[in-house]
Protein backbone atom coordinates (compact mmCIF):
# COMPACT_ATOMS: atom_id res chain seq x y z
CA MET A 1 6.02 -20.33 -16.35
CA ILE A 2 5.56 -18.66 -12.83
CA GLU A 3 2.47 -16.42 -12.64
CA VAL A 4 1.93 -14.43 -9.44
CA VAL A 5 -1.41 -12.89 -8.90
CA THR A 6 -1.32 -10.13 -6.24
CA PHE A 7 -4.19 -8.99 -4.04
CA GLY A 8 -4.05 -5.97 -1.74
CA CYS A 9 -1.30 -3.61 -0.70
CA ARG A 10 1.91 -2.18 -2.24
CA LEU A 11 3.99 -4.50 0.19
CA ASN A 12 2.31 -7.62 -1.31
CA ALA A 13 3.19 -6.24 -4.77
CA TYR A 14 6.85 -5.93 -3.86
CA GLU A 15 6.83 -9.41 -2.06
CA SER A 16 5.27 -10.95 -5.25
CA GLU A 17 8.42 -10.04 -7.08
CA GLY A 18 10.43 -12.02 -4.61
CA VAL A 19 8.16 -14.85 -4.55
CA LYS A 20 8.58 -15.05 -8.43
CA ALA A 21 12.37 -15.03 -8.08
CA ARG A 22 12.48 -17.76 -5.49
CA ALA A 23 10.20 -19.93 -7.29
CA ARG A 24 12.10 -19.32 -10.46
CA ASP A 25 15.50 -20.10 -8.79
CA ALA A 26 14.05 -23.38 -7.50
CA GLY A 27 13.26 -24.51 -10.91
CA ILE A 28 9.57 -24.26 -10.67
CA ASP A 29 7.91 -23.50 -14.03
CA ASP A 30 4.29 -24.60 -13.76
CA ALA A 31 2.73 -22.81 -10.98
CA ILE A 32 0.20 -19.99 -10.25
CA VAL A 33 0.78 -18.27 -6.95
CA PHE A 34 -1.99 -16.28 -5.35
CA ASN A 35 -0.53 -13.68 -2.91
CA THR A 36 -3.75 -12.96 -0.73
CA CYS A 37 -4.96 -10.11 1.22
CA ALA A 38 -6.87 -10.31 4.53
CA VAL A 39 -8.06 -6.66 5.15
CA THR A 40 -11.58 -7.41 4.32
CA ALA A 41 -13.85 -10.49 3.93
CA GLU A 42 -14.41 -9.33 0.39
CA ALA A 43 -10.80 -9.62 -0.50
CA VAL A 44 -10.78 -13.22 0.73
CA ARG A 45 -13.96 -13.88 -1.24
CA GLN A 46 -12.33 -12.34 -4.44
CA SER A 47 -9.18 -14.45 -3.97
CA ARG A 48 -11.07 -17.73 -3.64
CA GLN A 49 -13.07 -16.80 -6.83
CA ALA A 50 -9.91 -16.16 -8.64
CA ILE A 51 -8.42 -19.48 -7.64
CA ARG A 52 -11.42 -21.36 -8.79
CA LYS A 53 -11.39 -19.72 -12.19
CA ALA A 54 -7.60 -20.36 -12.48
CA ARG A 55 -8.09 -23.93 -11.91
CA ARG A 56 -10.76 -24.27 -14.52
CA GLU A 57 -8.46 -22.41 -16.98
CA ASN A 58 -5.28 -24.15 -15.98
CA PRO A 59 -6.08 -27.68 -15.03
CA GLY A 60 -2.38 -28.91 -15.21
CA ALA A 61 -0.87 -25.89 -13.17
CA ARG A 62 0.10 -26.34 -9.51
CA ILE A 63 -1.79 -23.54 -7.57
CA VAL A 64 -0.07 -22.02 -4.39
CA VAL A 65 -1.83 -19.68 -2.07
CA THR A 66 0.14 -17.45 0.29
CA GLY A 67 -0.08 -14.00 1.80
CA CYS A 68 -1.96 -12.52 4.66
CA ALA A 69 -5.32 -14.47 4.21
CA ALA A 70 -3.42 -17.71 3.91
CA GLN A 71 -1.53 -16.80 7.24
CA THR A 72 -4.67 -15.93 9.06
CA GLU A 73 -7.12 -18.67 7.80
CA PRO A 74 -5.04 -21.50 6.26
CA GLY A 75 -7.90 -23.78 6.77
CA THR A 76 -9.99 -21.93 4.26
CA TYR A 77 -7.65 -22.44 1.42
CA ALA A 78 -6.59 -25.99 2.48
CA ALA A 79 -10.18 -26.99 2.22
CA MET A 80 -10.36 -25.85 -1.56
CA ASN A 81 -9.77 -28.72 -3.88
CA GLU A 82 -8.39 -26.35 -6.41
CA VAL A 83 -5.32 -25.56 -4.01
CA ASP A 84 -2.01 -27.60 -4.23
CA HIS A 85 -0.10 -25.77 -1.42
CA VAL A 86 -0.68 -23.12 1.19
CA LEU A 87 2.28 -21.10 2.52
CA GLY A 88 2.64 -18.66 5.33
CA ASN A 89 3.85 -15.00 4.87
CA ALA A 90 7.24 -15.98 6.17
CA GLU A 91 7.40 -19.24 4.29
CA LYS A 92 6.71 -17.54 0.92
CA LEU A 93 10.02 -15.63 0.85
CA ASP A 94 12.20 -18.42 2.20
CA PRO A 95 14.01 -20.10 -0.65
CA ALA A 96 14.02 -23.51 1.12
CA THR A 97 10.29 -23.55 0.92
CA TRP A 98 10.21 -23.45 -2.96
CA LEU A 99 13.06 -26.15 -3.18
CA THR A 100 11.01 -28.50 -1.11
CA LEU A 101 7.53 -27.30 -2.18
CA GLY A 102 6.07 -30.87 -2.48
CA ALA A 103 7.14 -31.90 0.99
CA GLU A 104 3.90 -30.70 2.70
CA ARG A 105 0.70 -29.32 1.41
CA VAL A 106 0.29 -26.60 4.10
CA ARG A 107 3.25 -24.77 5.55
CA VAL A 108 2.23 -21.98 7.84
CA ASN A 109 4.19 -21.28 10.98
CA ASP A 110 3.61 -18.72 13.72
CA ILE A 111 4.43 -15.34 12.26
CA GLY A 112 4.61 -13.88 15.68
CA ALA A 113 7.86 -15.80 16.17
CA VAL A 114 9.52 -13.76 13.36
CA LYS A 115 11.54 -11.00 14.95
CA THR A 116 13.72 -9.70 12.27
CA LEU A 117 13.33 -8.55 8.48
CA ALA A 118 15.95 -9.24 5.92
CA PRO A 119 16.22 -7.33 2.72
CA GLN A 120 14.70 -9.05 -0.29
CA PHE A 121 16.84 -7.44 -2.87
CA VAL A 122 14.31 -7.30 -5.73
CA ASP A 123 15.93 -6.48 -8.89
CA GLY A 124 12.97 -4.25 -10.18
CA PHE A 125 9.53 -4.40 -11.49
CA GLU A 126 9.40 -5.76 -15.06
CA GLY A 127 8.07 -3.10 -17.54
CA ARG A 128 7.75 -0.40 -14.83
CA THR A 129 9.58 2.80 -14.07
CA ARG A 130 8.50 2.78 -10.53
CA ALA A 131 9.45 0.20 -7.90
CA PHE A 132 8.45 -0.56 -4.35
CA LEU A 133 10.94 -1.06 -1.85
CA GLN A 134 10.15 -2.87 1.69
CA VAL A 135 11.64 -1.26 4.51
CA GLN A 136 9.34 -2.44 7.33
CA ASN A 137 6.79 -5.23 8.10
CA GLY A 138 4.32 -6.12 10.80
CA CYS A 139 2.66 -3.87 13.33
CA ASP A 140 2.65 -3.62 17.24
CA HIS A 141 -0.70 -1.80 17.44
CA ARG A 142 -3.91 -3.52 17.77
CA CYS A 143 -6.53 -1.40 16.17
CA THR A 144 -9.88 -2.95 16.91
CA PHE A 145 -10.81 -3.72 13.38
CA CYS A 146 -7.49 -4.90 12.01
CA ILE A 147 -6.57 -8.43 11.29
CA ILE A 148 -3.34 -7.54 9.68
CA PRO A 149 -1.10 -8.08 12.90
CA HIS A 150 -2.07 -11.75 12.86
CA GLY A 151 -0.89 -11.88 9.20
CA ARG A 152 2.16 -9.94 9.42
CA GLY A 153 3.47 -10.38 12.99
CA SER A 154 5.35 -7.77 15.11
CA ALA A 155 6.84 -4.65 13.75
CA ARG A 156 10.31 -5.17 12.21
CA SER A 157 12.55 -3.10 10.12
CA VAL A 158 15.27 -3.58 7.47
CA PRO A 159 18.51 -1.97 8.55
CA MET A 160 19.27 1.26 6.83
CA GLY A 161 22.27 0.15 5.10
CA ALA A 162 20.54 -2.68 3.50
CA VAL A 163 17.73 -0.27 2.36
CA VAL A 164 20.28 2.22 0.87
CA GLU A 165 22.10 -0.69 -0.88
CA GLU A 166 18.75 -1.87 -2.39
CA ALA A 167 17.69 1.66 -3.44
CA ARG A 168 20.97 1.96 -5.17
CA ARG A 169 20.63 -1.43 -7.06
CA LEU A 170 16.99 -0.43 -8.08
CA THR A 171 18.30 2.89 -9.44
CA GLU A 172 21.33 1.35 -11.30
CA LYS A 173 18.72 -0.91 -12.99
CA GLY A 174 16.80 1.98 -14.48
CA THR A 175 14.20 2.67 -11.70
CA ALA A 176 13.26 6.29 -11.90
CA GLU A 177 10.94 6.33 -8.74
CA ILE A 178 11.11 4.25 -5.54
CA VAL A 179 8.14 4.01 -3.13
CA LEU A 180 9.02 2.91 0.47
CA THR A 181 6.56 0.48 1.83
CA GLY A 182 5.59 -1.10 4.92
CA VAL A 183 2.64 -2.31 7.19
CA ASP A 184 3.26 0.53 9.75
CA LEU A 185 5.77 2.53 7.98
CA THR A 186 6.17 5.39 10.43
CA SER A 187 7.26 2.84 13.04
CA TYR A 188 10.46 2.12 10.96
CA GLY A 189 13.51 1.69 13.01
CA GLY A 190 11.94 1.06 16.52
CA ASP A 191 13.40 -2.45 16.58
CA LEU A 192 16.93 -1.34 15.39
CA PRO A 193 19.96 -0.36 17.14
CA GLY A 194 19.71 3.44 17.89
CA ARG A 195 16.19 3.54 16.85
CA PRO A 196 16.53 5.45 13.54
CA SER A 197 13.38 7.05 12.39
CA LEU A 198 11.59 6.92 8.88
CA GLY A 199 12.57 10.57 8.35
CA ARG A 200 16.31 9.80 9.05
CA LEU A 201 15.97 6.91 6.67
CA VAL A 202 14.53 9.09 3.86
CA ARG A 203 17.23 11.69 4.18
CA LYS A 204 20.01 8.85 4.10
CA ILE A 205 18.54 7.36 0.95
CA LEU A 206 18.42 10.74 -0.76
CA LYS A 207 22.01 11.63 0.50
CA HIS A 208 23.67 8.31 -0.34
CA VAL A 209 21.81 7.56 -3.63
CA PRO A 210 21.92 10.87 -5.48
CA GLU A 211 20.99 9.10 -8.61
CA ILE A 212 17.27 8.62 -7.47
CA LYS A 213 15.02 10.92 -9.37
CA ARG A 214 11.94 10.41 -7.27
CA LEU A 215 11.28 8.93 -3.73
CA ARG A 216 7.79 8.39 -2.42
CA ILE A 217 6.47 7.27 0.92
CA SER A 218 3.41 4.96 0.96
CA SER A 219 0.64 5.06 3.65
CA ILE A 220 1.61 6.65 6.97
CA ASP A 221 0.32 7.39 10.39
CA SER A 222 0.44 11.40 10.39
CA ILE A 223 0.87 11.56 14.18
CA GLU A 224 4.03 9.59 14.01
CA ALA A 225 5.85 11.96 11.57
CA ASP A 226 9.30 12.85 13.14
CA ASP A 227 11.42 15.89 12.79
CA ASP A 228 13.63 14.38 10.23
CA LEU A 229 10.67 13.62 8.04
CA TRP A 230 9.43 17.23 8.43
CA ARG A 231 12.91 18.46 7.22
CA ALA A 232 12.69 16.20 4.30
CA VAL A 233 9.32 17.44 3.34
CA ALA A 234 10.61 20.98 3.42
CA GLU A 235 14.02 20.65 1.88
CA GLU A 236 14.08 17.52 -0.32
CA ALA A 237 12.66 18.17 -3.73
CA ARG A 238 13.16 14.61 -4.73
CA LEU A 239 10.62 13.51 -1.89
CA MET A 240 7.36 13.54 -4.00
CA PRO A 241 4.55 15.78 -2.50
CA HIS A 242 2.00 13.07 -2.28
CA PHE A 243 1.01 11.52 1.28
CA HIS A 244 -1.43 8.86 1.77
CA LEU A 245 -2.76 8.65 5.37
CA SER A 246 -4.13 6.00 7.49
CA ALA A 247 -6.90 8.18 8.68
CA GLN A 248 -9.79 5.58 8.91
CA SER A 249 -12.51 8.05 10.35
CA GLY A 250 -13.04 11.70 10.93
CA ASP A 251 -14.90 11.31 14.04
CA ASP A 252 -13.07 11.34 17.38
CA LEU A 253 -15.13 8.89 19.14
CA ILE A 254 -15.05 6.40 16.31
CA LEU A 255 -11.43 6.86 16.12
CA LYS A 256 -11.19 5.99 20.00
CA ARG A 257 -13.36 2.90 19.39
CA MET A 258 -10.94 1.83 16.59
CA LYS A 259 -8.00 2.36 19.04
CA ARG A 260 -6.43 4.71 16.60
CA ARG A 261 -3.73 7.03 18.07
CA HIS A 262 -4.64 10.21 16.26
CA SER A 263 -7.49 12.55 16.43
CA ARG A 264 -9.47 14.33 13.61
CA ALA A 265 -7.64 17.52 14.55
CA ASP A 266 -4.38 15.76 13.94
CA THR A 267 -5.07 14.63 10.52
CA VAL A 268 -6.18 18.26 9.58
CA ALA A 269 -3.10 19.85 11.12
CA PHE A 270 -0.70 17.23 9.29
CA CYS A 271 -2.22 18.30 5.92
CA GLU A 272 -2.08 22.04 6.75
CA ARG A 273 1.66 21.76 7.85
CA VAL A 274 2.64 19.91 4.86
CA ARG A 275 0.79 22.35 2.52
CA ALA A 276 2.40 25.21 4.13
CA LEU A 277 5.92 23.66 3.41
CA ARG A 278 4.83 22.30 -0.05
CA PRO A 279 2.03 24.05 -1.56
CA ASP A 280 1.86 21.50 -4.35
CA ALA A 281 1.15 18.70 -2.03
CA ALA A 282 -1.78 16.34 -2.42
CA PHE A 283 -3.39 13.97 0.07
CA GLY A 284 -5.05 10.58 0.07
CA ALA A 285 -6.52 8.59 2.81
CA ASP A 286 -7.86 5.33 3.83
CA LEU A 287 -11.36 5.69 5.31
CA ILE A 288 -13.73 3.13 6.73
CA ALA A 289 -17.49 3.62 6.32
CA GLY A 290 -19.95 1.99 8.65
CA PHE A 291 -17.79 1.04 11.62
CA PRO A 292 -19.73 -0.35 14.46
CA THR A 293 -21.92 2.21 16.46
CA GLU A 294 -21.31 4.75 13.82
CA SER A 295 -24.16 7.34 13.79
CA GLU A 296 -25.31 9.54 11.01
CA ALA A 297 -23.51 12.48 12.72
CA MET A 298 -20.28 10.54 13.16
CA PHE A 299 -20.27 9.57 9.43
CA ASP A 300 -20.82 13.23 8.59
CA ASN A 301 -17.66 14.22 10.49
CA THR A 302 -15.87 11.70 8.06
CA LEU A 303 -17.45 13.27 5.07
CA ARG A 304 -16.43 16.67 6.11
CA LEU A 305 -12.92 15.49 6.84
CA VAL A 306 -12.38 15.25 3.01
CA ASP A 307 -12.89 19.04 2.64
CA ASP A 308 -11.33 20.17 6.06
CA ALA A 309 -8.04 18.16 5.41
CA GLY A 310 -8.14 18.88 1.63
CA LEU A 311 -8.09 15.03 0.62
CA ALA A 312 -8.18 14.14 -3.03
CA PHE A 313 -7.39 10.49 -3.20
CA LEU A 314 -9.70 8.22 -1.13
CA HIS A 315 -9.45 4.58 -0.34
CA VAL A 316 -12.82 3.72 0.81
CA PHE A 317 -13.62 0.54 2.68
CA PRO A 318 -17.02 -0.68 3.88
CA PHE A 319 -16.55 -1.77 7.45
CA SER A 320 -15.93 -5.78 7.35
CA ALA A 321 -15.85 -7.57 10.68
CA ARG A 322 -12.99 -9.93 10.65
CA LYS A 323 -13.20 -12.91 13.02
CA GLY A 324 -10.91 -12.45 16.09
CA THR A 325 -10.84 -8.70 16.16
CA PRO A 326 -12.70 -6.59 18.94
CA ALA A 327 -14.69 -4.59 16.40
CA ALA A 328 -16.39 -8.03 15.30
CA ARG A 329 -17.83 -8.12 18.78
CA MET A 330 -19.25 -4.63 18.74
CA PRO A 331 -22.81 -3.75 17.74
CA GLN A 332 -22.82 -3.97 13.92
CA LEU A 333 -24.58 -1.81 11.44
CA GLY A 334 -26.86 -3.29 8.74
CA ARG A 335 -24.85 -4.37 5.60
CA GLY A 336 -27.07 -2.24 3.48
CA LEU A 337 -26.41 0.90 5.54
CA VAL A 338 -22.70 0.33 5.50
CA LYS A 339 -22.63 -0.12 1.72
CA GLU A 340 -24.75 3.00 1.28
CA ARG A 341 -22.38 5.03 3.50
CA ALA A 342 -19.31 3.60 1.50
CA ALA A 343 -21.09 4.81 -1.71
CA ARG A 344 -21.62 8.21 -0.39
CA LEU A 345 -17.98 8.60 0.87
CA ARG A 346 -16.78 7.38 -2.56
CA ALA A 347 -18.92 9.96 -4.34
CA LYS A 348 -17.43 12.53 -2.05
CA GLY A 349 -14.10 11.48 -3.00
CA ASP A 350 -14.83 11.62 -6.76
CA ARG A 351 -15.92 15.20 -6.33
CA ALA A 352 -12.71 16.05 -4.36
CA LEU A 353 -10.58 14.36 -7.10
CA ALA A 354 -12.42 16.40 -9.69
CA ALA A 355 -11.66 19.52 -7.82
CA HIS A 356 -8.03 18.61 -7.41
CA PHE A 357 -7.68 17.91 -11.03
CA ALA A 358 -9.33 21.25 -11.99
CA GLY A 359 -6.84 23.01 -9.82
CA LEU A 360 -4.05 21.54 -11.99
CA VAL A 361 -5.53 22.63 -15.33
CA GLY A 362 -3.19 25.10 -16.96
CA SER A 363 -0.10 24.06 -14.80
CA GLU A 364 3.20 22.61 -16.30
CA GLN A 365 3.98 19.21 -14.78
CA THR A 366 6.84 16.77 -15.19
CA LEU A 367 5.44 13.20 -15.67
CA LEU A 368 7.04 9.86 -14.92
CA MET A 369 5.71 7.93 -17.69
CA GLU A 370 4.18 4.49 -17.22
CA THR A 371 3.27 3.88 -20.93
CA ASP A 372 3.77 5.95 -24.06
CA VAL A 373 0.92 8.18 -23.24
CA LEU A 374 0.18 7.69 -19.42
CA GLY A 375 2.21 9.20 -16.60
CA ARG A 376 2.05 10.55 -13.04
CA THR A 377 2.70 14.05 -11.63
CA PRO A 378 4.79 14.64 -8.75
CA CYS A 379 1.74 14.69 -6.64
CA PHE A 380 0.66 11.23 -8.06
CA ALA A 381 -2.17 12.58 -10.31
CA PRO A 382 -2.42 10.39 -13.43
CA ALA A 383 -2.28 12.26 -16.78
CA ARG A 384 -2.81 11.17 -20.41
CA VAL A 385 -0.38 12.87 -23.02
CA SER A 386 -2.04 13.69 -26.42
CA VAL A 387 1.24 12.70 -28.28
CA PRO A 388 2.93 9.57 -27.58
CA GLY A 389 6.64 8.93 -27.12
CA GLY A 390 9.61 10.26 -24.77
CA GLY A 391 10.47 8.99 -21.39
CA PRO A 392 10.85 8.25 -18.82
CA PHE A 393 10.06 11.88 -17.93
CA ARG A 394 8.24 14.33 -19.99
CA ARG A 395 7.27 17.97 -19.49
CA VAL A 396 3.66 18.56 -20.26
CA ARG A 397 1.07 21.27 -19.93
CA VAL A 398 -2.16 20.26 -18.41
CA THR A 399 -5.17 21.26 -20.72
CA GLY A 400 -8.11 19.48 -18.95
CA ALA A 401 -9.31 16.42 -16.94
CA ASP A 402 -11.75 13.60 -17.25
CA ALA A 403 -13.06 11.53 -14.45
CA ALA A 404 -9.87 9.30 -14.35
CA HIS A 405 -7.00 11.47 -15.65
CA LEU A 406 -5.57 14.89 -16.41
CA VAL A 407 -5.26 15.57 -20.11
CA ALA A 408 -2.04 17.08 -21.19
CA GLU A 409 0.01 18.18 -24.38
CA PRO A 410 3.81 18.47 -24.47
CA ALA A 411 5.02 21.69 -22.99
């Protein structure tokens, strides 16, 4: 049996399906694969803890470690007695790697040398009505806090025709919702002939795969939204009204020190423009608490951004210094202060989410069901239905909410 344990982002979840298929095709049936994340030191620690536990519970299985943390610090995992093989991010999706898995214990090459991105043609996500579709990988920007370019390499895109083909394949296999994923999604197409944009890709998918019921975009940089994407927001009802922003901070000086390309005002303006086109839209954001040199006033600007931009779904990261990044050399805040600010920002997010849920009470929604009783609204709010059954779509009326879900009954 092949078990893949995934850490981190949606792109990793997508690639885990490809890893599983390649290992299975190579006849490997006794492995546990850890597809790791390198975003924070905590993510690395959690993966190492999970590897040790897996070895204790599965003494006879082969343990393979891959993903971003394996790419950026292969020695960390090679030094673990529990680990049998360490594979880089490019190697994990190469069929030849799995056919010759025993040839060498560590197989991690220079990810920066990879200049193209081939489609993976994942058939679907077992037991799920939603599937991720990788359209982009890597990043050419160098935000001062981020190690991911070292793990993912330069920005590269899947050609539009291949994306459309895979979207059609997933839809034909019963996928009701497709989520476009990438590391720097709004840079899509910059390396392709004619430099097609993300918005053009969205419109092409919806035009040429009319059977797609729902299309979502994962995390984006708002400053890079192109004209075609704005037209899709305004005109395409199948493009879901949920946008997750790589905001990172609500303070302009901190954004400058992060080497981000947007300002606080840009984030607010993006949300206001989307809301004017799609009043039912909801917004999430990645936010970092405790970045080096962040004062209390700077942190307060991030807290206030939640209200000013109308954010509802927060991913809060306590700042984690990653070796080799410029931010690791900046004056650091105390860990206690970083954790305290992260807790305050999460509490702010909890209140914002509760307010968003409250605003949906009394409305009718169409849920894409994930289980017999759990589904997601178009704006990605989770909902629990009082009566099991139906699917993959159910029309419901929202009657209330708890901390984690809307509460709904059949309409």
